[in-house]
Amino acid sequence: MILVNIDHIPGKNLEALGLVKGSTVQSRNFGRDLGAGFKTLVGGEIKAYSELIGEARAIATERMVAEAEALGADAVINIRYGSASVMQGAAEILAYGTAVRFQ
């Protein structure tokens, strides 16, 4: 499966199959919150949260790819990511794009 964030694949004629998406809602845990609270006192990257968001992006991408594969897609183009807070301490990560088949 080819994944790109441009609206075409050079050298390929594409048939659009439709929008595909994947999402996950991830929450923080007490241990990460405690460590993050200390980190805010001294500044710098909060690695536990960076790892959490990276894992969430990977899950959302996998779910988007599974939806594209179910449509018989060869690739997903114009991929975008979004996030939103859904409640205190929990965020949704969304991956979406256009599933395409090579002609």
PDB file of N, CA and C in Angstrom:
ATOM      1  N   MET A   1       0.849  -1.171   0.000  1.00  0.00           N
ATOM      2  CA  MET A   1       0.000   0.000   0.000  1.00  0.00           C
ATOM      3  C   MET A   1       0.894   1.233   0.000  1.00  0.00           C
ATOM      4  N   ILE A   2       0.693   2.090  -0.982  1.00  0.00           N
ATOM      5  CA  ILE A   2       1.438   3.341  -1.071  1.00  0.00           C
ATOM      6  C   ILE A   2       0.642   4.418  -0.343  1.00  0.00           C
ATOM      7  N   LEU A   3       1.318   5.169   0.525  1.00  0.00           N
ATOM      8  CA  LEU A   3       0.690   6.253   1.277  1.00  0.00           C
ATOM      9  C   LEU A   3       1.440   7.543   0.975  1.00  0.00           C
ATOM     10  N   VAL A   4       0.711   8.549   0.462  1.00  0.00           N
ATOM     11  CA  VAL A   4       1.343   9.832   0.137  1.00  0.00           C
ATOM     12  C   VAL A   4       0.443  10.974   0.577  1.00  0.00           C
ATOM     13  N   ASN A   5       1.059  12.132   0.812  1.00  0.00           N
ATOM     14  CA  ASN A   5       0.254  13.292   1.172  1.00  0.00           C
ATOM     15  C   ASN A   5       0.161  14.299   0.023  1.00  0.00           C
ATOM     16  N   ILE A   6       0.334  13.821  -1.206  1.00  0.00           N
ATOM     17  CA  ILE A   6       0.109  14.636  -2.402  1.00  0.00           C
ATOM     18  C   ILE A   6      -1.129  14.085  -3.113  1.00  0.00           C
ATOM     19  N   ASP A   7      -1.654  14.825  -4.069  1.00  0.00           N
ATOM     20  CA  ASP A   7      -2.918  14.421  -4.690  1.00  0.00           C
ATOM     21  C   ASP A   7      -2.758  13.575  -5.949  1.00  0.00           C
ATOM     22  N   HIS A   8      -1.571  13.049  -6.173  1.00  0.00           N
ATOM     23  CA  HIS A   8      -1.332  12.174  -7.326  1.00  0.00           C
ATOM     24  C   HIS A   8      -0.105  11.314  -7.036  1.00  0.00           C
ATOM     25  N   ILE A   9       0.099  10.321  -7.866  1.00  0.00           N
ATOM     26  CA  ILE A   9       1.324   9.524  -7.792  1.00  0.00           C
ATOM     27  C   ILE A   9       1.962   9.628  -9.169  1.00  0.00           C
ATOM     28  N   PRO A  10       3.128  10.245  -9.259  1.00  0.00           N
ATOM     29  CA  PRO A  10       3.758  10.455 -10.560  1.00  0.00           C
ATOM     30  C   PRO A  10       3.857   9.164 -11.371  1.00  0.00           C
ATOM     31  N   GLY A  11       3.430   9.259 -12.627  1.00  0.00           N
ATOM     32  CA  GLY A  11       3.511   8.129 -13.542  1.00  0.00           C
ATOM     33  C   GLY A  11       2.368   7.133 -13.436  1.00  0.00           C
ATOM     34  N   LYS A  12       1.375   7.409 -12.592  1.00  0.00           N
ATOM     35  CA  LYS A  12       0.257   6.480 -12.409  1.00  0.00           C
ATOM     36  C   LYS A  12      -1.057   7.172 -12.775  1.00  0.00           C
ATOM     37  N   ASN A  13      -1.915   6.442 -13.483  1.00  0.00           N
ATOM     38  CA  ASN A  13      -3.293   6.885 -13.695  1.00  0.00           C
ATOM     39  C   ASN A  13      -4.117   6.292 -12.560  1.00  0.00           C
ATOM     40  N   LEU A  14      -4.923   7.126 -11.916  1.00  0.00           N
ATOM     41  CA  LEU A  14      -5.626   6.708 -10.719  1.00  0.00           C
ATOM     42  C   LEU A  14      -7.136   6.714 -10.891  1.00  0.00           C
ATOM     43  N   GLU A  15      -7.772   5.750 -10.279  1.00  0.00           N
ATOM     44  CA  GLU A  15      -9.225   5.709 -10.165  1.00  0.00           C
ATOM     45  C   GLU A  15      -9.546   5.929  -8.688  1.00  0.00           C
ATOM     46  N   ALA A  16     -10.274   7.004  -8.378  1.00  0.00           N
ATOM     47  CA  ALA A  16     -10.630   7.296  -6.993  1.00  0.00           C
ATOM     48  C   ALA A  16     -11.709   6.337  -6.518  1.00  0.00           C
ATOM     49  N   LEU A  17     -11.495   5.763  -5.341  1.00  0.00           N
ATOM     50  CA  LEU A  17     -12.454   4.836  -4.763  1.00  0.00           C
ATOM     51  C   LEU A  17     -13.264   5.471  -3.637  1.00  0.00           C
ATOM     52  N   GLY A  18     -12.753   6.531  -3.081  1.00  0.00           N
ATOM     53  CA  GLY A  18     -13.484   7.227  -2.027  1.00  0.00           C
ATOM     54  C   GLY A  18     -12.637   7.562  -0.816  1.00  0.00           C
ATOM     55  N   LEU A  19     -13.259   8.275   0.096  1.00  0.00           N
ATOM     56  CA  LEU A  19     -12.620   8.702   1.337  1.00  0.00           C
ATOM     57  C   LEU A  19     -12.438   7.504   2.259  1.00  0.00           C
ATOM     58  N   VAL A  20     -11.260   7.417   2.858  1.00  0.00           N
ATOM     59  CA  VAL A  20     -11.004   6.412   3.882  1.00  0.00           C
ATOM     60  C   VAL A  20     -10.454   7.117   5.113  1.00  0.00           C
ATOM     61  N   LYS A  21     -10.740   6.558   6.270  1.00  0.00           N
ATOM     62  CA  LYS A  21     -10.306   7.190   7.496  1.00  0.00           C
ATOM     63  C   LYS A  21     -10.031   6.158   8.560  1.00  0.00           C
ATOM     64  N   GLY A  22      -9.293   6.572   9.543  1.00  0.00           N
ATOM     65  CA  GLY A  22      -9.034   5.749  10.719  1.00  0.00           C
ATOM     66  C   GLY A  22      -8.849   6.682  11.892  1.00  0.00           C
ATOM     67  N   SER A  23      -9.317   6.268  13.051  1.00  0.00           N
ATOM     68  CA  SER A  23      -9.149   7.126  14.219  1.00  0.00           C
ATOM     69  C   SER A  23      -8.979   6.290  15.466  1.00  0.00           C
ATOM     70  N   THR A  24      -8.487   6.933  16.504  1.00  0.00           N
ATOM     71  CA  THR A  24      -8.371   6.340  17.820  1.00  0.00           C
ATOM     72  C   THR A  24      -8.476   7.454  18.846  1.00  0.00           C
ATOM     73  N   VAL A  25      -8.967   7.113  20.005  1.00  0.00           N
ATOM     74  CA  VAL A  25      -8.996   8.048  21.131  1.00  0.00           C
ATOM     75  C   VAL A  25      -8.040   7.496  22.174  1.00  0.00           C
ATOM     76  N   GLN A  26      -7.078   8.302  22.550  1.00  0.00           N
ATOM     77  CA  GLN A  26      -6.067   7.899  23.522  1.00  0.00           C
ATOM     78  C   GLN A  26      -6.195   8.776  24.761  1.00  0.00           C
ATOM     79  N   SER A  27      -5.960   8.172  25.916  1.00  0.00           N
ATOM     80  CA  SER A  27      -5.996   8.948  27.150  1.00  0.00           C
ATOM     81  C   SER A  27      -4.653   8.862  27.849  1.00  0.00           C
ATOM     82  N   ARG A  28      -4.408   9.850  28.639  1.00  0.00           N
ATOM     83  CA  ARG A  28      -3.183   9.868  29.435  1.00  0.00           C
ATOM     84  C   ARG A  28      -3.391   8.973  30.648  1.00  0.00           C
ATOM     85  N   ASN A  29      -2.288   8.614  31.298  1.00  0.00           N
ATOM     86  CA  ASN A  29      -2.419   7.868  32.548  1.00  0.00           C
ATOM     87  C   ASN A  29      -1.721   8.628  33.659  1.00  0.00           C
ATOM     88  N   PHE A  30      -1.980   8.208  34.865  1.00  0.00           N
ATOM     89  CA  PHE A  30      -1.475   8.939  36.020  1.00  0.00           C
ATOM     90  C   PHE A  30       0.046   9.065  36.010  1.00  0.00           C
ATOM     91  N   GLY A  31       0.736   7.966  35.674  1.00  0.00           N
ATOM     92  CA  GLY A  31       2.200   8.006  35.652  1.00  0.00           C
ATOM     93  C   GLY A  31       2.730   9.020  34.661  1.00  0.00           C
ATOM     94  N   ARG A  32       2.134   9.053  33.470  1.00  0.00           N
ATOM     95  CA  ARG A  32       2.571  10.025  32.462  1.00  0.00           C
ATOM     96  C   ARG A  32       2.235  11.446  32.893  1.00  0.00           C
ATOM     97  N   ASP A  33       1.063  11.633  33.503  1.00  0.00           N
ATOM     98  CA  ASP A  33       0.676  12.963  33.959  1.00  0.00           C
ATOM     99  C   ASP A  33       1.605  13.480  35.047  1.00  0.00           C
ATOM    100  N   LEU A  34       1.983  12.610  35.956  1.00  0.00           N
ATOM    101  CA  LEU A  34       2.872  13.014  37.040  1.00  0.00           C
ATOM    102  C   LEU A  34       4.223  13.441  36.488  1.00  0.00           C
ATOM    103  N   GLY A  35       4.783  12.613  35.596  1.00  0.00           N
ATOM    104  CA  GLY A  35       6.066  12.965  34.981  1.00  0.00           C
ATOM    105  C   GLY A  35       5.978  14.230  34.151  1.00  0.00           C
ATOM    106  N   ALA A  36       4.870  14.397  33.423  1.00  0.00           N
ATOM    107  CA  ALA A  36       4.682  15.587  32.600  1.00  0.00           C
ATOM    108  C   ALA A  36       4.561  16.823  33.468  1.00  0.00           C
ATOM    109  N   GLY A  37       3.905  16.685  34.608  1.00  0.00           N
ATOM    110  CA  GLY A  37       3.774  17.820  35.526  1.00  0.00           C
ATOM    111  C   GLY A  37       5.125  18.318  36.001  1.00  0.00           C
ATOM    112  N   PHE A  38       6.022  17.388  36.334  1.00  0.00           N
ATOM    113  CA  PHE A  38       7.376  17.777  36.735  1.00  0.00           C
ATOM    114  C   PHE A  38       8.134  18.416  35.572  1.00  0.00           C
ATOM    115  N   LYS A  39       7.933  17.880  34.374  1.00  0.00           N
ATOM    116  CA  LYS A  39       8.648  18.383  33.195  1.00  0.00           C
ATOM    117  C   LYS A  39       8.242  19.820  32.895  1.00  0.00           C
ATOM    118  N   THR A  40       6.977  20.179  33.157  1.00  0.00           N
ATOM    119  CA  THR A  40       6.541  21.551  32.879  1.00  0.00           C
ATOM    120  C   THR A  40       7.242  22.564  33.774  1.00  0.00           C
ATOM    121  N   LEU A  41       7.781  22.108  34.885  1.00  0.00           N
ATOM    122  CA  LEU A  41       8.511  23.012  35.781  1.00  0.00           C
ATOM    123  C   LEU A  41       9.866  23.411  35.205  1.00  0.00           C
ATOM    124  N   VAL A  42      10.492  22.500  34.452  1.00  0.00           N
ATOM    125  CA  VAL A  42      11.829  22.770  33.933  1.00  0.00           C
ATOM    126  C   VAL A  42      11.843  23.023  32.429  1.00  0.00           C
ATOM    127  N   GLY A  43      10.752  22.686  31.740  1.00  0.00           N
ATOM    128  CA  GLY A  43      10.664  22.914  30.303  1.00  0.00           C
ATOM    129  C   GLY A  43      11.249  21.761  29.503  1.00  0.00           C
ATOM    130  N   GLY A  44      10.990  21.788  28.216  1.00  0.00           N
ATOM    131  CA  GLY A  44      11.512  20.764  27.324  1.00  0.00           C
ATOM    132  C   GLY A  44      10.430  19.829  26.819  1.00  0.00           C
ATOM    133  N   GLU A  45      10.843  18.876  25.994  1.00  0.00           N
ATOM    134  CA  GLU A  45       9.907  17.932  25.401  1.00  0.00           C
ATOM    135  C   GLU A  45       9.382  16.952  26.448  1.00  0.00           C
ATOM    136  N   ILE A  46       8.096  16.687  26.376  1.00  0.00           N
ATOM    137  CA  ILE A  46       7.479  15.680  27.240  1.00  0.00           C
ATOM    138  C   ILE A  46       7.419  14.395  26.422  1.00  0.00           C
ATOM    139  N   LYS A  47       8.469  13.591  26.541  1.00  0.00           N
ATOM    140  CA  LYS A  47       8.634  12.421  25.672  1.00  0.00           C
ATOM    141  C   LYS A  47       7.504  11.414  25.812  1.00  0.00           C
ATOM    142  N   ALA A  48       6.955  11.248  27.002  1.00  0.00           N
ATOM    143  CA  ALA A  48       5.863  10.283  27.185  1.00  0.00           C
ATOM    144  C   ALA A  48       4.665  10.668  26.329  1.00  0.00           C
ATOM    145  N   TYR A  49       4.370  11.954  26.236  1.00  0.00           N
ATOM    146  CA  TYR A  49       3.245  12.410  25.415  1.00  0.00           C
ATOM    147  C   TYR A  49       3.579  12.323  23.930  1.00  0.00           C
ATOM    148  N   SER A  50       4.814  12.614  23.572  1.00  0.00           N
ATOM    149  CA  SER A  50       5.227  12.474  22.173  1.00  0.00           C
ATOM    150  C   SER A  50       5.076  11.026  21.723  1.00  0.00           C
ATOM    151  N   GLU A  51       5.471  10.088  22.575  1.00  0.00           N
ATOM    152  CA  GLU A  51       5.331   8.661  22.261  1.00  0.00           C
ATOM    153  C   GLU A  51       3.852   8.272  22.159  1.00  0.00           C
ATOM    154  N   LEU A  52       3.022   8.784  23.067  1.00  0.00           N
ATOM    155  CA  LEU A  52       1.595   8.490  23.049  1.00  0.00           C
ATOM    156  C   LEU A  52       0.955   8.954  21.743  1.00  0.00           C
ATOM    157  N   ILE A  53       1.283  10.155  21.299  1.00  0.00           N
ATOM    158  CA  ILE A  53       0.723  10.693  20.055  1.00  0.00           C
ATOM    159  C   ILE A  53       1.255   9.913  18.860  1.00  0.00           C
ATOM    160  N   GLY A  54       2.525   9.540  18.877  1.00  0.00           N
ATOM    161  CA  GLY A  54       3.089   8.731  17.793  1.00  0.00           C
ATOM    162  C   GLY A  54       2.396   7.380  17.675  1.00  0.00           C
ATOM    163  N   GLU A  55       2.137   6.741  18.810  1.00  0.00           N
ATOM    164  CA  GLU A  55       1.423   5.464  18.808  1.00  0.00           C
ATOM    165  C   GLU A  55       0.003   5.648  18.274  1.00  0.00           C
ATOM    166  N   ALA A  56      -0.645   6.715  18.681  1.00  0.00           N
ATOM    167  CA  ALA A  56      -2.016   6.988  18.225  1.00  0.00           C
ATOM    168  C   ALA A  56      -2.049   7.231  16.719  1.00  0.00           C
ATOM    169  N   ARG A  57      -1.080   7.967  16.185  1.00  0.00           N
ATOM    170  CA  ARG A  57      -1.009   8.193  14.732  1.00  0.00           C
ATOM    171  C   ARG A  57      -0.836   6.876  13.992  1.00  0.00           C
ATOM    172  N   ALA A  58       0.006   5.986  14.527  1.00  0.00           N
ATOM    173  CA  ALA A  58       0.228   4.685  13.887  1.00  0.00           C
ATOM    174  C   ALA A  58      -1.057   3.851  13.875  1.00  0.00           C
ATOM    175  N   ILE A  59      -1.794   3.853  14.968  1.00  0.00           N
ATOM    176  CA  ILE A  59      -3.057   3.108  15.034  1.00  0.00           C
ATOM    177  C   ILE A  59      -4.062   3.678  14.038  1.00  0.00           C
ATOM    178  N   ALA A  60      -4.195   5.005  14.004  1.00  0.00           N
ATOM    179  CA  ALA A  60      -5.138   5.642  13.083  1.00  0.00           C
ATOM    180  C   ALA A  60      -4.762   5.347  11.633  1.00  0.00           C
ATOM    181  N   THR A  61      -3.468   5.369  11.321  1.00  0.00           N
ATOM    182  CA  THR A  61      -3.010   5.064   9.964  1.00  0.00           C
ATOM    183  C   THR A  61      -3.324   3.617   9.598  1.00  0.00           C
ATOM    184  N   GLU A  62      -3.071   2.685  10.510  1.00  0.00           N
ATOM    185  CA  GLU A  62      -3.372   1.266  10.255  1.00  0.00           C
ATOM    186  C   GLU A  62      -4.855   1.071   9.958  1.00  0.00           C
ATOM    187  N   ARG A  63      -5.704   1.751  10.698  1.00  0.00           N
ATOM    188  CA  ARG A  63      -7.153   1.618  10.488  1.00  0.00           C
ATOM    189  C   ARG A  63      -7.577   2.213   9.151  1.00  0.00           C
ATOM    190  N   MET A  64      -6.949   3.327   8.759  1.00  0.00           N
ATOM    191  CA  MET A  64      -7.233   3.929   7.458  1.00  0.00           C
ATOM    192  C   MET A  64      -6.810   2.979   6.340  1.00  0.00           C
ATOM    193  N   VAL A  65      -5.629   2.383   6.455  1.00  0.00           N
ATOM    194  CA  VAL A  65      -5.129   1.445   5.448  1.00  0.00           C
ATOM    195  C   VAL A  65      -6.051   0.232   5.351  1.00  0.00           C
ATOM    196  N   ALA A  66      -6.530  -0.282   6.477  1.00  0.00           N
ATOM    197  CA  ALA A  66      -7.443  -1.428   6.459  1.00  0.00           C
ATOM    198  C   ALA A  66      -8.721  -1.091   5.702  1.00  0.00           C
ATOM    199  N   GLU A  67      -9.230   0.122   5.884  1.00  0.00           N
ATOM    200  CA  GLU A  67     -10.426   0.546   5.156  1.00  0.00           C
ATOM    201  C   GLU A  67     -10.148   0.636   3.659  1.00  0.00           C
ATOM    202  N   ALA A  68      -8.961   1.141   3.292  1.00  0.00           N
ATOM    203  CA  ALA A  68      -8.578   1.237   1.878  1.00  0.00           C
ATOM    204  C   ALA A  68      -8.413  -0.147   1.259  1.00  0.00           C
ATOM    205  N   GLU A  69      -7.787  -1.063   1.984  1.00  0.00           N
ATOM    206  CA  GLU A  69      -7.611  -2.426   1.479  1.00  0.00           C
ATOM    207  C   GLU A  69      -8.953  -3.108   1.251  1.00  0.00           C
ATOM    208  N   ALA A  70      -9.926  -2.837   2.114  1.00  0.00           N
ATOM    209  CA  ALA A  70     -11.257  -3.427   1.952  1.00  0.00           C
ATOM    210  C   ALA A  70     -11.936  -2.948   0.670  1.00  0.00           C
ATOM    211  N   LEU A  71     -11.538  -1.762   0.186  1.00  0.00           N
ATOM    212  CA  LEU A  71     -12.070  -1.224  -1.075  1.00  0.00           C
ATOM    213  C   LEU A  71     -11.276  -1.715  -2.288  1.00  0.00           C
ATOM    214  N   GLY A  72     -10.182  -2.431  -2.061  1.00  0.00           N
ATOM    215  CA  GLY A  72      -9.325  -2.888  -3.153  1.00  0.00           C
ATOM    216  C   GLY A  72      -8.352  -1.835  -3.634  1.00  0.00           C
ATOM    217  N   ALA A  73      -8.001  -0.905  -2.771  1.00  0.00           N
ATOM    218  CA  ALA A  73      -7.104   0.200  -3.145  1.00  0.00           C
ATOM    219  C   ALA A  73      -5.654  -0.251  -3.252  1.00  0.00           C
ATOM    220  N   ASP A  74      -4.922   0.436  -4.127  1.00  0.00           N
ATOM    221  CA  ASP A  74      -3.483   0.241  -4.245  1.00  0.00           C
ATOM    222  C   ASP A  74      -2.711   1.298  -3.452  1.00  0.00           C
ATOM    223  N   ALA A  75      -3.389   2.415  -3.172  1.00  0.00           N
ATOM    224  CA  ALA A  75      -2.730   3.530  -2.494  1.00  0.00           C
ATOM    225  C   ALA A  75      -3.770   4.421  -1.818  1.00  0.00           C
ATOM    226  N   VAL A  76      -3.276   5.243  -0.919  1.00  0.00           N
ATOM    227  CA  VAL A  76      -4.088   6.315  -0.337  1.00  0.00           C
ATOM    228  C   VAL A  76      -3.323   7.604  -0.587  1.00  0.00           C
ATOM    229  N   ILE A  77      -3.992   8.537  -1.235  1.00  0.00           N
ATOM    230  CA  ILE A  77      -3.356   9.819  -1.557  1.00  0.00           C
ATOM    231  C   ILE A  77      -3.957  10.928  -0.701  1.00  0.00           C
ATOM    232  N   ASN A  78      -3.254  12.054  -0.686  1.00  0.00           N
ATOM    233  CA  ASN A  78      -3.711  13.261  -0.001  1.00  0.00           C
ATOM    234  C   ASN A  78      -4.014  12.988   1.478  1.00  0.00           C
ATOM    235  N   ILE A  79      -3.135  12.241   2.128  1.00  0.00           N
ATOM    236  CA  ILE A  79      -3.341  11.873   3.536  1.00  0.00           C
ATOM    237  C   ILE A  79      -3.158  13.094   4.426  1.00  0.00           C
ATOM    238  N   ARG A  80      -4.044  13.206   5.392  1.00  0.00           N
ATOM    239  CA  ARG A  80      -3.999  14.281   6.382  1.00  0.00           C
ATOM    240  C   ARG A  80      -4.241  13.675   7.764  1.00  0.00           C
ATOM    241  N   TYR A  81      -3.781  14.377   8.779  1.00  0.00           N
ATOM    242  CA  TYR A  81      -3.995  13.989  10.168  1.00  0.00           C
ATOM    243  C   TYR A  81      -4.645  15.147  10.903  1.00  0.00           C
ATOM    244  N   GLY A  82      -5.490  14.818  11.841  1.00  0.00           N
ATOM    245  CA  GLY A  82      -6.111  15.830  12.684  1.00  0.00           C
ATOM    246  C   GLY A  82      -6.200  15.303  14.101  1.00  0.00           C
ATOM    247  N   SER A  83      -6.388  16.223  15.020  1.00  0.00           N
ATOM    248  CA  SER A  83      -6.567  15.817  16.412  1.00  0.00           C
ATOM    249  C   SER A  83      -7.562  16.751  17.074  1.00  0.00           C
ATOM    250  N   ALA A  84      -8.203  16.222  18.096  1.00  0.00           N
ATOM    251  CA  ALA A  84      -9.171  17.010  18.852  1.00  0.00           C
ATOM    252  C   ALA A  84      -9.241  16.466  20.267  1.00  0.00           C
ATOM    253  N   SER A  85      -9.431  17.343  21.196  1.00  0.00           N
ATOM    254  CA  SER A  85      -9.648  16.934  22.572  1.00  0.00           C
ATOM    255  C   SER A  85     -11.109  16.523  22.710  1.00  0.00           C
ATOM    256  N   VAL A  86     -11.359  15.320  23.206  1.00  0.00           N
ATOM    257  CA  VAL A  86     -12.741  14.861  23.337  1.00  0.00           C
ATOM    258  C   VAL A  86     -13.234  14.951  24.774  1.00  0.00           C
ATOM    259  N   MET A  87     -12.322  15.029  25.710  1.00  0.00           N
ATOM    260  CA  MET A  87     -12.644  15.234  27.120  1.00  0.00           C
ATOM    261  C   MET A  87     -11.347  15.526  27.859  1.00  0.00           C
ATOM    262  N   GLN A  88     -11.433  15.903  29.110  1.00  0.00           N
ATOM    263  CA  GLN A  88     -10.239  16.179  29.902  1.00  0.00           C
ATOM    264  C   GLN A  88      -9.329  14.957  29.908  1.00  0.00           C
ATOM    265  N   GLY A  89      -8.128  15.090  29.368  1.00  0.00           N
ATOM    266  CA  GLY A  89      -7.151  14.008  29.398  1.00  0.00           C
ATOM    267  C   GLY A  89      -7.254  12.994  28.276  1.00  0.00           C
ATOM    268  N   ALA A  90      -8.126  13.229  27.278  1.00  0.00           N
ATOM    269  CA  ALA A  90      -8.252  12.278  26.165  1.00  0.00           C
ATOM    270  C   ALA A  90      -8.337  13.036  24.851  1.00  0.00           C
ATOM    271  N   ALA A  91      -7.674  12.501  23.830  1.00  0.00           N
ATOM    272  CA  ALA A  91      -7.658  13.156  22.525  1.00  0.00           C
ATOM    273  C   ALA A  91      -7.888  12.132  21.428  1.00  0.00           C
ATOM    274  N   GLU A  92      -8.568  12.582  20.363  1.00  0.00           N
ATOM    275  CA  GLU A  92      -8.773  11.746  19.180  1.00  0.00           C
ATOM    276  C   GLU A  92      -7.725  12.118  18.147  1.00  0.00           C
ATOM    277  N   ILE A  93      -7.165  11.109  17.519  1.00  0.00           N
ATOM    278  CA  ILE A  93      -6.275  11.300  16.375  1.00  0.00           C
ATOM    279  C   ILE A  93      -6.979  10.699  15.171  1.00  0.00           C
ATOM    280  N   LEU A  94      -7.069  11.456  14.093  1.00  0.00           N
ATOM    281  CA  LEU A  94      -7.766  11.037  12.883  1.00  0.00           C
ATOM    282  C   LEU A  94      -6.799  11.068  11.705  1.00  0.00           C
ATOM    283  N   ALA A  95      -6.790   9.992  10.915  1.00  0.00           N
ATOM    284  CA  ALA A  95      -6.039   9.939   9.661  1.00  0.00           C
ATOM    285  C   ALA A  95      -7.056   9.751   8.547  1.00  0.00           C
ATOM    286  N   TYR A  96      -6.928  10.517   7.460  1.00  0.00           N
ATOM    287  CA  TYR A  96      -7.874  10.371   6.350  1.00  0.00           C
ATOM    288  C   TYR A  96      -7.198  10.711   5.032  1.00  0.00           C
ATOM    289  N   GLY A  97      -7.755  10.144   3.961  1.00  0.00           N
ATOM    290  CA  GLY A  97      -7.223  10.381   2.635  1.00  0.00           C
ATOM    291  C   GLY A  97      -8.157   9.773   1.603  1.00  0.00           C
ATOM    292  N   THR A  98      -7.711   9.768   0.352  1.00  0.00           N
ATOM    293  CA  THR A  98      -8.507   9.223  -0.747  1.00  0.00           C
ATOM    294  C   THR A  98      -7.892   7.899  -1.206  1.00  0.00           C
ATOM    295  N   ALA A  99      -8.715   6.840  -1.143  1.00  0.00           N
ATOM    296  CA  ALA A  99      -8.268   5.529  -1.603  1.00  0.00           C
ATOM    297  C   ALA A  99      -8.327   5.531  -3.134  1.00  0.00           C
ATOM    298  N   VAL A 100      -7.273   5.004  -3.775  1.00  0.00           N
ATOM    299  CA  VAL A 100      -7.213   4.952  -5.227  1.00  0.00           C
ATOM    300  C   VAL A 100      -6.733   3.585  -5.695  1.00  0.00           C
ATOM    301  N   ARG A 101      -7.113   3.262  -6.927  1.00  0.00           N
ATOM    302  CA  ARG A 101      -6.655   2.043  -7.588  1.00  0.00           C
ATOM    303  C   ARG A 101      -5.895   2.476  -8.826  1.00  0.00           C
ATOM    304  N   PHE A 102      -4.822   1.773  -9.156  1.00  0.00           N
ATOM    305  CA  PHE A 102      -4.054   2.070 -10.357  1.00  0.00           C
ATOM    306  C   PHE A 102      -4.823   1.545 -11.563  1.00  0.00           C
ATOM    307  N   GLN A 103      -4.830   2.340 -12.662  1.00  0.00           N
ATOM    308  CA  GLN A 103      -5.486   1.908 -13.892  1.00  0.00           C
ATOM    309  C   GLN A 103      -4.447   1.413 -14.871  1.00  0.00           C
TER     310      GLN A 103
END
